[in-house]
Amino acid sequence: MCLAIPAQLKSIKDDTGIVEFLGNEITVSLSLVSPKIGDYLLIHAGFAIEIVTKDSAEEILEIYELLEESANES
């Protein structure tokens, strides 16, 4: 199973962007979307694959946190 990670776009240069995810900055390809700085994106395998709302990004991160907590309890 593959998962996409939500991250906020901080800067754009050509077809690449810098996104922030949990305090880390990552360079990603923007060739599949047309975002603007500040947008929240779903990132998979180094590509931004979808623009999402801030609420959706936060909800996804909350679900990941719950999954991590559940895995650590086992």
PDB file of N, CA and C in Angstrom:
ATOM      1  N   MET A   1       0.845  -1.175   0.000  1.00  0.00           N
ATOM      2  CA  MET A   1       0.000   0.000   0.000  1.00  0.00           C
ATOM      3  C   MET A   1       0.889   1.237   0.000  1.00  0.00           C
ATOM      4  N   CYS A   2       0.511   2.230  -0.770  1.00  0.00           N
ATOM      5  CA  CYS A   2       1.250   3.486  -0.841  1.00  0.00           C
ATOM      6  C   CYS A   2       0.432   4.586  -0.188  1.00  0.00           C
ATOM      7  N   LEU A   3       1.120   5.476   0.500  1.00  0.00           N
ATOM      8  CA  LEU A   3       0.461   6.592   1.165  1.00  0.00           C
ATOM      9  C   LEU A   3       1.031   7.913   0.670  1.00  0.00           C
ATOM     10  N   ALA A   4       0.190   8.911   0.589  1.00  0.00           N
ATOM     11  CA  ALA A   4       0.630  10.260   0.256  1.00  0.00           C
ATOM     12  C   ALA A   4       0.714  11.063   1.548  1.00  0.00           C
ATOM     13  N   ILE A   5       1.691  11.951   1.597  1.00  0.00           N
ATOM     14  CA  ILE A   5       1.930  12.763   2.782  1.00  0.00           C
ATOM     15  C   ILE A   5       1.502  14.199   2.499  1.00  0.00           C
ATOM     16  N   PRO A   6       0.692  14.812   3.364  1.00  0.00           N
ATOM     17  CA  PRO A   6       0.340  16.219   3.156  1.00  0.00           C
ATOM     18  C   PRO A   6       1.478  17.129   3.614  1.00  0.00           C
ATOM     19  N   ALA A   7       1.740  18.174   2.835  1.00  0.00           N
ATOM     20  CA  ALA A   7       2.799  19.127   3.161  1.00  0.00           C
ATOM     21  C   ALA A   7       2.429  20.485   2.581  1.00  0.00           C
ATOM     22  N   GLN A   8       2.973  21.546   3.194  1.00  0.00           N
ATOM     23  CA  GLN A   8       2.677  22.903   2.727  1.00  0.00           C
ATOM     24  C   GLN A   8       3.794  23.397   1.826  1.00  0.00           C
ATOM     25  N   LEU A   9       3.423  23.992   0.696  1.00  0.00           N
ATOM     26  CA  LEU A   9       4.379  24.513  -0.272  1.00  0.00           C
ATOM     27  C   LEU A   9       4.963  25.833   0.222  1.00  0.00           C
ATOM     28  N   LYS A  10       6.303  25.872   0.309  1.00  0.00           N
ATOM     29  CA  LYS A  10       7.001  27.057   0.812  1.00  0.00           C
ATOM     30  C   LYS A  10       7.616  27.891  -0.300  1.00  0.00           C
ATOM     31  N   SER A  11       8.108  27.247  -1.380  1.00  0.00           N
ATOM     32  CA  SER A  11       8.695  28.001  -2.490  1.00  0.00           C
ATOM     33  C   SER A  11       8.598  27.193  -3.777  1.00  0.00           C
ATOM     34  N   ILE A  12       8.704  27.918  -4.904  1.00  0.00           N
ATOM     35  CA  ILE A  12       8.610  27.307  -6.228  1.00  0.00           C
ATOM     36  C   ILE A  12       9.769  27.798  -7.082  1.00  0.00           C
ATOM     37  N   LYS A  13      10.394  26.862  -7.809  1.00  0.00           N
ATOM     38  CA  LYS A  13      11.403  27.212  -8.806  1.00  0.00           C
ATOM     39  C   LYS A  13      11.225  26.256  -9.977  1.00  0.00           C
ATOM     40  N   ASP A  14      10.832  26.801 -11.111  1.00  0.00           N
ATOM     41  CA  ASP A  14      10.537  26.000 -12.302  1.00  0.00           C
ATOM     42  C   ASP A  14       9.461  24.966 -11.970  1.00  0.00           C
ATOM     43  N   ASP A  15       9.739  23.685 -12.201  1.00  0.00           N
ATOM     44  CA  ASP A  15       8.767  22.623 -11.923  1.00  0.00           C
ATOM     45  C   ASP A  15       9.029  21.911 -10.605  1.00  0.00           C
ATOM     46  N   THR A  16       9.785  22.548  -9.705  1.00  0.00           N
ATOM     47  CA  THR A  16      10.030  21.942  -8.397  1.00  0.00           C
ATOM     48  C   THR A  16       9.601  22.908  -7.302  1.00  0.00           C
ATOM     49  N   GLY A  17       9.369  22.344  -6.153  1.00  0.00           N
ATOM     50  CA  GLY A  17       8.978  23.162  -5.013  1.00  0.00           C
ATOM     51  C   GLY A  17       9.606  22.622  -3.747  1.00  0.00           C
ATOM     52  N   ILE A  18       9.672  23.477  -2.746  1.00  0.00           N
ATOM     53  CA  ILE A  18      10.095  23.082  -1.409  1.00  0.00           C
ATOM     54  C   ILE A  18       8.833  23.028  -0.563  1.00  0.00           C
ATOM     55  N   VAL A  19       8.596  21.865   0.063  1.00  0.00           N
ATOM     56  CA  VAL A  19       7.448  21.712   0.947  1.00  0.00           C
ATOM     57  C   VAL A  19       7.944  21.431   2.355  1.00  0.00           C
ATOM     58  N   GLU A  20       7.098  21.784   3.336  1.00  0.00           N
ATOM     59  CA  GLU A  20       7.415  21.516   4.738  1.00  0.00           C
ATOM     60  C   GLU A  20       6.482  20.440   5.265  1.00  0.00           C
ATOM     61  N   PHE A  21       7.104  19.420   5.854  1.00  0.00           N
ATOM     62  CA  PHE A  21       6.357  18.324   6.455  1.00  0.00           C
ATOM     63  C   PHE A  21       6.957  18.039   7.825  1.00  0.00           C
ATOM     64  N   LEU A  22       6.177  18.291   8.877  1.00  0.00           N
ATOM     65  CA  LEU A  22       6.615  18.047  10.254  1.00  0.00           C
ATOM     66  C   LEU A  22       7.983  18.653  10.547  1.00  0.00           C
ATOM     67  N   GLY A  23       8.188  19.884  10.086  1.00  0.00           N
ATOM     68  CA  GLY A  23       9.430  20.597  10.365  1.00  0.00           C
ATOM     69  C   GLY A  23      10.570  20.289   9.413  1.00  0.00           C
ATOM     70  N   ASN A  24      10.364  19.391   8.467  1.00  0.00           N
ATOM     71  CA  ASN A  24      11.392  19.054   7.479  1.00  0.00           C
ATOM     72  C   ASN A  24      11.042  19.665   6.139  1.00  0.00           C
ATOM     73  N   GLU A  25      12.069  20.150   5.424  1.00  0.00           N
ATOM     74  CA  GLU A  25      11.850  20.670   4.081  1.00  0.00           C
ATOM     75  C   GLU A  25      12.287  19.633   3.058  1.00  0.00           C
ATOM     76  N   ILE A  26      11.427  19.413   2.062  1.00  0.00           N
ATOM     77  CA  ILE A  26      11.653  18.393   1.051  1.00  0.00           C
ATOM     78  C   ILE A  26      11.444  19.028  -0.325  1.00  0.00           C
ATOM     79  N   THR A  27      12.302  18.672  -1.283  1.00  0.00           N
ATOM     80  CA  THR A  27      12.137  19.127  -2.659  1.00  0.00           C
ATOM     81  C   THR A  27      11.265  18.124  -3.400  1.00  0.00           C
ATOM     82  N   VAL A  28      10.239  18.631  -4.090  1.00  0.00           N
ATOM     83  CA  VAL A  28       9.312  17.759  -4.814  1.00  0.00           C
ATOM     84  C   VAL A  28       9.061  18.297  -6.218  1.00  0.00           C
ATOM     85  N   SER A  29       8.638  17.423  -7.092  1.00  0.00           N
ATOM     86  CA  SER A  29       8.240  17.823  -8.433  1.00  0.00           C
ATOM     87  C   SER A  29       6.822  18.380  -8.401  1.00  0.00           C
ATOM     88  N   LEU A  30       6.615  19.485  -9.106  1.00  0.00           N
ATOM     89  CA  LEU A  30       5.284  20.097  -9.209  1.00  0.00           C
ATOM     90  C   LEU A  30       4.695  19.907 -10.608  1.00  0.00           C
ATOM     91  N   SER A  31       5.259  18.978 -11.370  1.00  0.00           N
ATOM     92  CA  SER A  31       4.854  18.811 -12.763  1.00  0.00           C
ATOM     93  C   SER A  31       3.425  18.294 -12.946  1.00  0.00           C
ATOM     94  N   LEU A  32       2.823  17.747 -11.895  1.00  0.00           N
ATOM     95  CA  LEU A  32       1.464  17.198 -12.017  1.00  0.00           C
ATOM     96  C   LEU A  32       0.372  18.135 -11.514  1.00  0.00           C
ATOM     97  N   VAL A  33       0.758  19.226 -10.865  1.00  0.00           N
ATOM     98  CA  VAL A  33      -0.211  20.170 -10.289  1.00  0.00           C
ATOM     99  C   VAL A  33       0.225  21.602 -10.591  1.00  0.00           C
ATOM    100  N   SER A  34      -0.652  22.540 -10.340  1.00  0.00           N
ATOM    101  CA  SER A  34      -0.334  23.965 -10.535  1.00  0.00           C
ATOM    102  C   SER A  34      -0.631  24.725  -9.251  1.00  0.00           C
ATOM    103  N   PRO A  35       0.195  24.529  -8.226  1.00  0.00           N
ATOM    104  CA  PRO A  35      -0.068  25.150  -6.928  1.00  0.00           C
ATOM    105  C   PRO A  35       0.509  26.552  -6.822  1.00  0.00           C
ATOM    106  N   LYS A  36       0.134  27.215  -5.745  1.00  0.00           N
ATOM    107  CA  LYS A  36       0.748  28.494  -5.394  1.00  0.00           C
ATOM    108  C   LYS A  36       1.343  28.352  -3.987  1.00  0.00           C
ATOM    109  N   ILE A  37       2.269  29.218  -3.665  1.00  0.00           N
ATOM    110  CA  ILE A  37       2.925  29.163  -2.359  1.00  0.00           C
ATOM    111  C   ILE A  37       1.865  29.253  -1.262  1.00  0.00           C
ATOM    112  N   GLY A  38       2.000  28.383  -0.271  1.00  0.00           N
ATOM    113  CA  GLY A  38       1.043  28.323   0.827  1.00  0.00           C
ATOM    114  C   GLY A  38       0.036  27.200   0.690  1.00  0.00           C
ATOM    115  N   ASP A  39      -0.123  26.665  -0.537  1.00  0.00           N
ATOM    116  CA  ASP A  39      -1.054  25.553  -0.740  1.00  0.00           C
ATOM    117  C   ASP A  39      -0.583  24.312   0.006  1.00  0.00           C
ATOM    118  N   TYR A  40      -1.524  23.468   0.346  1.00  0.00           N
ATOM    119  CA  TYR A  40      -1.224  22.160   0.932  1.00  0.00           C
ATOM    120  C   TYR A  40      -1.322  21.132  -0.185  1.00  0.00           C
ATOM    121  N   LEU A  41      -0.328  20.260  -0.255  1.00  0.00           N
ATOM    122  CA  LEU A  41      -0.233  19.284  -1.323  1.00  0.00           C
ATOM    123  C   LEU A  41      -0.111  17.881  -0.755  1.00  0.00           C
ATOM    124  N   LEU A  42      -0.602  16.903  -1.506  1.00  0.00           N
ATOM    125  CA  LEU A  42      -0.333  15.510  -1.167  1.00  0.00           C
ATOM    126  C   LEU A  42       0.917  15.109  -1.948  1.00  0.00           C
ATOM    127  N   ILE A  43       1.905  14.572  -1.231  1.00  0.00           N
ATOM    128  CA  ILE A  43       3.186  14.206  -1.817  1.00  0.00           C
ATOM    129  C   ILE A  43       3.316  12.695  -1.828  1.00  0.00           C
ATOM    130  N   HIS A  44       3.688  12.149  -2.980  1.00  0.00           N
ATOM    131  CA  HIS A  44       3.938  10.702  -3.099  1.00  0.00           C
ATOM    132  C   HIS A  44       5.108  10.490  -4.048  1.00  0.00           C
ATOM    133  N   ALA A  45       6.099   9.752  -3.590  1.00  0.00           N
ATOM    134  CA  ALA A  45       7.262   9.369  -4.406  1.00  0.00           C
ATOM    135  C   ALA A  45       7.939  10.584  -5.040  1.00  0.00           C
ATOM    136  N   GLY A  46       8.012  11.685  -4.285  1.00  0.00           N
ATOM    137  CA  GLY A  46       8.709  12.868  -4.771  1.00  0.00           C
ATOM    138  C   GLY A  46       7.899  13.779  -5.671  1.00  0.00           C
ATOM    139  N   PHE A  47       6.614  13.463  -5.849  1.00  0.00           N
ATOM    140  CA  PHE A  47       5.736  14.275  -6.692  1.00  0.00           C
ATOM    141  C   PHE A  47       4.564  14.814  -5.875  1.00  0.00           C
ATOM    142  N   ALA A  48       4.224  16.071  -6.115  1.00  0.00           N
ATOM    143  CA  ALA A  48       2.969  16.615  -5.602  1.00  0.00           C
ATOM    144  C   ALA A  48       1.879  16.083  -6.528  1.00  0.00           C
ATOM    145  N   ILE A  49       0.920  15.360  -5.955  1.00  0.00           N
ATOM    146  CA  ILE A  49      -0.092  14.715  -6.800  1.00  0.00           C
ATOM    147  C   ILE A  49      -1.472  15.354  -6.701  1.00  0.00           C
ATOM    148  N   GLU A  50      -1.671  16.196  -5.685  1.00  0.00           N
ATOM    149  CA  GLU A  50      -2.989  16.823  -5.515  1.00  0.00           C
ATOM    150  C   GLU A  50      -2.874  18.018  -4.582  1.00  0.00           C
ATOM    151  N   ILE A  51      -3.655  19.050  -4.854  1.00  0.00           N
ATOM    152  CA  ILE A  51      -3.785  20.189  -3.951  1.00  0.00           C
ATOM    153  C   ILE A  51      -4.966  19.898  -3.033  1.00  0.00           C
ATOM    154  N   VAL A  52      -4.766  20.062  -1.720  1.00  0.00           N
ATOM    155  CA  VAL A  52      -5.828  19.793  -0.747  1.00  0.00           C
ATOM    156  C   VAL A  52      -6.012  21.009   0.160  1.00  0.00           C
ATOM    157  N   THR A  53      -7.117  21.045   0.873  1.00  0.00           N
ATOM    158  CA  THR A  53      -7.355  22.124   1.821  1.00  0.00           C
ATOM    159  C   THR A  53      -6.503  21.910   3.074  1.00  0.00           C
ATOM    160  N   LYS A  54      -6.309  22.972   3.827  1.00  0.00           N
ATOM    161  CA  LYS A  54      -5.574  22.880   5.090  1.00  0.00           C
ATOM    162  C   LYS A  54      -6.283  21.900   6.025  1.00  0.00           C
ATOM    163  N   ASP A  55      -7.609  21.971   6.074  1.00  0.00           N
ATOM    164  CA  ASP A  55      -8.378  21.061   6.936  1.00  0.00           C
ATOM    165  C   ASP A  55      -8.148  19.602   6.555  1.00  0.00           C
ATOM    166  N   SER A  56      -8.139  19.309   5.267  1.00  0.00           N
ATOM    167  CA  SER A  56      -7.896  17.936   4.813  1.00  0.00           C
ATOM    168  C   SER A  56      -6.494  17.476   5.190  1.00  0.00           C
ATOM    169  N   ALA A  57      -5.505  18.356   5.001  1.00  0.00           N
ATOM    170  CA  ALA A  57      -4.121  18.021   5.348  1.00  0.00           C
ATOM    171  C   ALA A  57      -4.009  17.712   6.838  1.00  0.00           C
ATOM    172  N   GLU A  58      -4.623  18.539   7.667  1.00  0.00           N
ATOM    173  CA  GLU A  58      -4.574  18.317   9.118  1.00  0.00           C
ATOM    174  C   GLU A  58      -5.287  17.026   9.509  1.00  0.00           C
ATOM    175  N   GLU A  59      -6.408  16.730   8.857  1.00  0.00           N
ATOM    176  CA  GLU A  59      -7.142  15.502   9.149  1.00  0.00           C
ATOM    177  C   GLU A  59      -6.302  14.265   8.799  1.00  0.00           C
ATOM    178  N   ILE A  60      -5.630  14.299   7.665  1.00  0.00           N
ATOM    179  CA  ILE A  60      -4.772  13.184   7.258  1.00  0.00           C
ATOM    180  C   ILE A  60      -3.644  12.987   8.265  1.00  0.00           C
ATOM    181  N   LEU A  61      -3.016  14.088   8.691  1.00  0.00           N
ATOM    182  CA  LEU A  61      -1.929  13.988   9.674  1.00  0.00           C
ATOM    183  C   LEU A  61      -2.435  13.406  10.999  1.00  0.00           C
ATOM    184  N   GLU A  62      -3.631  13.786  11.414  1.00  0.00           N
ATOM    185  CA  GLU A  62      -4.216  13.232  12.642  1.00  0.00           C
ATOM    186  C   GLU A  62      -4.430  11.725  12.514  1.00  0.00           C
ATOM    187  N   ILE A  63      -4.885  11.289  11.358  1.00  0.00           N
ATOM    188  CA  ILE A  63      -5.097   9.854  11.129  1.00  0.00           C
ATOM    189  C   ILE A  63      -3.763   9.118  11.188  1.00  0.00           C
ATOM    190  N   TYR A  64      -2.716   9.670  10.577  1.00  0.00           N
ATOM    191  CA  TYR A  64      -1.387   9.047  10.627  1.00  0.00           C
ATOM    192  C   TYR A  64      -0.895   8.939  12.068  1.00  0.00           C
ATOM    193  N   GLU A  65      -1.138   9.993  12.864  1.00  0.00           N
ATOM    194  CA  GLU A  65      -0.724   9.967  14.270  1.00  0.00           C
ATOM    195  C   GLU A  65      -1.455   8.868  15.033  1.00  0.00           C
ATOM    196  N   LEU A  66      -2.756   8.715  14.782  1.00  0.00           N
ATOM    197  CA  LEU A  66      -3.534   7.651  15.432  1.00  0.00           C
ATOM    198  C   LEU A  66      -3.014   6.269  15.032  1.00  0.00           C
ATOM    199  N   LEU A  67      -2.684   6.106  13.763  1.00  0.00           N
ATOM    200  CA  LEU A  67      -2.139   4.834  13.301  1.00  0.00           C
ATOM    201  C   LEU A  67      -0.802   4.528  13.970  1.00  0.00           C
ATOM    202  N   GLU A  68       0.037   5.548  14.108  1.00  0.00           N
ATOM    203  CA  GLU A  68       1.336   5.361  14.740  1.00  0.00           C
ATOM    204  C   GLU A  68       1.163   4.978  16.219  1.00  0.00           C
ATOM    205  N   GLU A  69       0.270   5.685  16.908  1.00  0.00           N
ATOM    206  CA  GLU A  69       0.001   5.355  18.317  1.00  0.00           C
ATOM    207  C   GLU A  69      -0.504   3.923  18.453  1.00  0.00           C
ATOM    208  N   SER A  70      -1.396   3.525  17.574  1.00  0.00           N
ATOM    209  CA  SER A  70      -1.946   2.165  17.619  1.00  0.00           C
ATOM    210  C   SER A  70      -0.853   1.128  17.356  1.00  0.00           C
ATOM    211  N   ALA A  71       0.021   1.401  16.426  1.00  0.00           N
ATOM    212  CA  ALA A  71       1.111   0.467  16.118  1.00  0.00           C
ATOM    213  C   ALA A  71       2.084   0.358  17.292  1.00  0.00           C
ATOM    214  N   ASN A  72       2.308   1.460  17.994  1.00  0.00           N
ATOM    215  CA  ASN A  72       3.233   1.446  19.124  1.00  0.00           C
ATOM    216  C   ASN A  72       2.652   0.731  20.339  1.00  0.00           C
ATOM    217  N   GLU A  73       1.328   0.621  20.416  1.00  0.00           N
ATOM    218  CA  GLU A  73       0.683  -0.071  21.531  1.00  0.00           C
ATOM    219  C   GLU A  73       0.772  -1.589  21.387  1.00  0.00           C
ATOM    220  N   SER A  74       0.952  -2.056  20.192  1.00  0.00           N
ATOM    221  CA  SER A  74       0.992  -3.512  19.946  1.00  0.00           C
ATOM    222  C   SER A  74       2.272  -4.136  20.436  1.00  0.00           C
TER     223      SER A  74
END
